[in-house]
């Protein structure tokens, strides 16, 4: 019986050793399991007066992010102007003159591939006195 067990144990241990060693190698410091990429906005929401402006900043821990874009989702939901040059990760949102809740979609790109999408929510309300 022990000879029969050894015939199964030896190949199992060999396969386990190969699987373990195949994972060895320099170790990627940007391993997504060890260092997951985060995609964030400095603020995900704000309460604004009509026509008030607010700066939105997109932040990522992934050095491979090559661009961003900012777009107001609702028609008549205000305007957004993206920064230029080294400031393309920021945008200036200006609330519309109408009250309501509006959204700015922020996309993070790596080359032309969308890596993540986040949403900034603006609630346009009359300031309380």
Protein backbone atom coordinates (compact mmCIF):
# COMPACT_ATOMS: atom_id res chain seq x y z
CA UNK A 1 0.00 0.00 0.00
CA UNK A 2 2.82 2.43 0.80
CA UNK A 3 4.42 1.76 -2.60
CA UNK A 4 1.13 2.62 -4.29
CA UNK A 5 0.85 5.83 -2.24
CA UNK A 6 4.40 6.83 -3.21
CA UNK A 7 3.49 6.56 -6.91
CA UNK A 8 0.87 9.27 -6.42
CA UNK A 9 2.73 11.41 -3.90
CA UNK A 10 5.91 11.83 -5.97
CA UNK A 11 4.16 13.25 -9.10
CA UNK A 12 2.00 15.47 -6.89
CA UNK A 13 5.05 16.91 -5.11
CA UNK A 14 6.84 17.38 -8.44
CA UNK A 15 3.85 19.27 -9.89
CA UNK A 16 3.57 21.37 -6.73
CA UNK A 17 7.29 22.24 -6.91
CA UNK A 18 7.06 23.22 -10.58
CA UNK A 19 4.01 25.39 -9.93
CA UNK A 20 5.75 27.07 -7.02
CA UNK A 21 9.00 27.71 -8.88
CA UNK A 22 7.27 28.94 -12.02
CA UNK A 23 5.94 31.82 -9.94
CA UNK A 24 9.47 32.84 -8.98
CA UNK A 25 11.33 35.54 -10.78
CA UNK A 26 12.12 39.19 -10.20
CA UNK A 27 8.78 39.93 -8.63
CA UNK A 28 6.86 42.79 -10.20
CA UNK A 29 6.75 45.75 -7.80
CA UNK A 30 3.56 46.87 -9.54
CA UNK A 31 1.85 43.51 -9.03
CA UNK A 32 -1.89 44.34 -9.06
CA UNK A 33 -2.52 41.97 -6.15
CA UNK A 34 0.17 43.52 -3.95
CA UNK A 35 -0.14 47.12 -5.19
CA UNK A 36 -3.62 47.56 -6.67
CA UNK A 37 -4.15 50.55 -8.92
CA UNK A 38 -6.48 53.18 -7.54
CA UNK A 39 -8.44 55.67 -9.59
CA UNK A 40 -9.92 58.51 -7.55
CA UNK A 41 -11.29 62.02 -7.66
CA UNK A 42 -10.17 64.52 -5.02
CA UNK A 43 -13.87 65.12 -4.37
CA UNK A 44 -16.70 62.92 -5.55
CA UNK A 45 -19.45 65.47 -4.89
CA UNK A 46 -20.15 69.08 -4.03
CA UNK A 47 -23.09 71.35 -3.29
CA UNK A 48 -22.81 74.44 -5.47
CA UNK A 49 -24.69 77.68 -6.04
CA UNK A 50 -26.03 78.30 -9.55
CA UNK A 51 -23.16 79.29 -11.90
CA UNK A 52 -20.53 78.45 -9.24
CA UNK A 53 -17.31 76.74 -10.37
CA UNK A 54 -15.46 73.83 -8.80
CA UNK A 55 -12.14 72.15 -9.70
CA UNK A 56 -12.20 68.38 -10.16
CA UNK A 57 -8.89 66.49 -10.01
CA UNK A 58 -8.38 62.89 -11.14
CA UNK A 59 -5.67 60.92 -9.33
CA UNK A 60 -4.28 57.48 -10.14
CA UNK A 61 -1.55 55.34 -8.61
CA UNK A 62 -0.92 53.86 -12.07
CA UNK A 63 1.94 55.59 -13.85
CA UNK A 64 0.61 54.09 -17.09
CA UNK A 65 -2.41 56.41 -17.18
CA UNK A 66 -1.84 58.53 -20.28
CA UNK A 67 -4.90 60.75 -20.21
CA UNK A 68 -8.28 61.70 -18.83
CA UNK A 69 -11.46 63.16 -20.12
CA UNK A 70 -14.28 64.96 -18.33
CA UNK A 71 -17.82 65.16 -19.67
CA UNK A 72 -21.08 66.49 -18.23
CA UNK A 73 -23.64 63.71 -18.57
CA UNK A 74 -26.87 65.74 -18.59
CA UNK A 75 -27.83 68.20 -21.31
CA UNK A 76 -27.84 71.66 -19.75
CA UNK A 77 -25.98 70.31 -16.72
CA UNK A 78 -23.26 72.94 -16.75
CA UNK A 79 -19.90 73.09 -18.48
CA UNK A 80 -16.55 71.47 -17.90
CA UNK A 81 -13.20 72.72 -19.22
CA UNK A 82 -10.28 70.32 -18.98
CA UNK A 83 -6.84 71.56 -18.05
CA UNK A 84 -4.05 71.58 -20.62
CA UNK A 85 -0.39 70.62 -20.68
CA UNK A 86 0.62 68.94 -17.44
CA UNK A 87 -2.80 69.69 -15.93
CA UNK A 88 -4.94 67.36 -18.07
CA UNK A 89 -5.95 65.49 -14.92
CA UNK A 90 -7.93 68.53 -13.73
CA UNK A 91 -11.07 70.21 -14.98
CA UNK A 92 -13.10 73.26 -14.01
CA UNK A 93 -16.80 72.48 -13.70
CA UNK A 94 -19.26 75.38 -13.77
CA UNK A 95 -22.76 74.63 -12.51
CA UNK A 96 -25.74 75.64 -14.63
CA UNK A 97 -28.08 78.45 -13.56
CA UNK A 98 -30.80 75.86 -12.86
CA UNK A 99 -31.21 73.84 -9.67
CA UNK A 100 -30.74 70.08 -9.72
CA UNK A 101 -28.27 67.23 -9.52
CA UNK A 102 -25.74 66.85 -12.32
CA UNK A 103 -22.91 64.44 -13.05
CA UNK A 104 -19.46 64.75 -14.61
CA UNK A 105 -18.05 61.50 -15.95
CA UNK A 106 -14.28 61.22 -15.60
CA UNK A 107 -12.46 58.57 -17.62
CA UNK A 108 -8.89 57.39 -17.05
CA UNK A 109 -7.06 56.23 -20.19
CA UNK A 110 -4.00 54.14 -20.88
CA UNK A 111 -3.23 54.92 -24.49
CA UNK A 112 -6.71 54.71 -26.07
CA UNK A 113 -8.11 52.12 -23.65
CA UNK A 114 -10.45 53.25 -20.86
CA UNK A 115 -9.01 51.87 -17.61
CA UNK A 116 -11.59 53.30 -15.18
CA UNK A 117 -14.53 55.67 -14.93
CA UNK A 118 -15.49 57.76 -11.92
CA UNK A 119 -18.38 60.19 -11.44
CA UNK A 120 -18.45 63.60 -9.79
CA UNK A 121 -21.92 64.63 -8.58
CA UNK A 122 -22.84 68.30 -8.32
CA UNK A 123 -25.97 69.34 -6.50
CA UNK A 124 -26.94 72.87 -7.50
CA UNK A 125 -29.01 74.47 -4.75
CA UNK A 126 -29.87 77.91 -3.45
CA UNK A 127 -27.60 78.78 -0.55
CA UNK A 128 -29.40 78.82 2.79
CA UNK A 129 -29.27 82.07 4.71
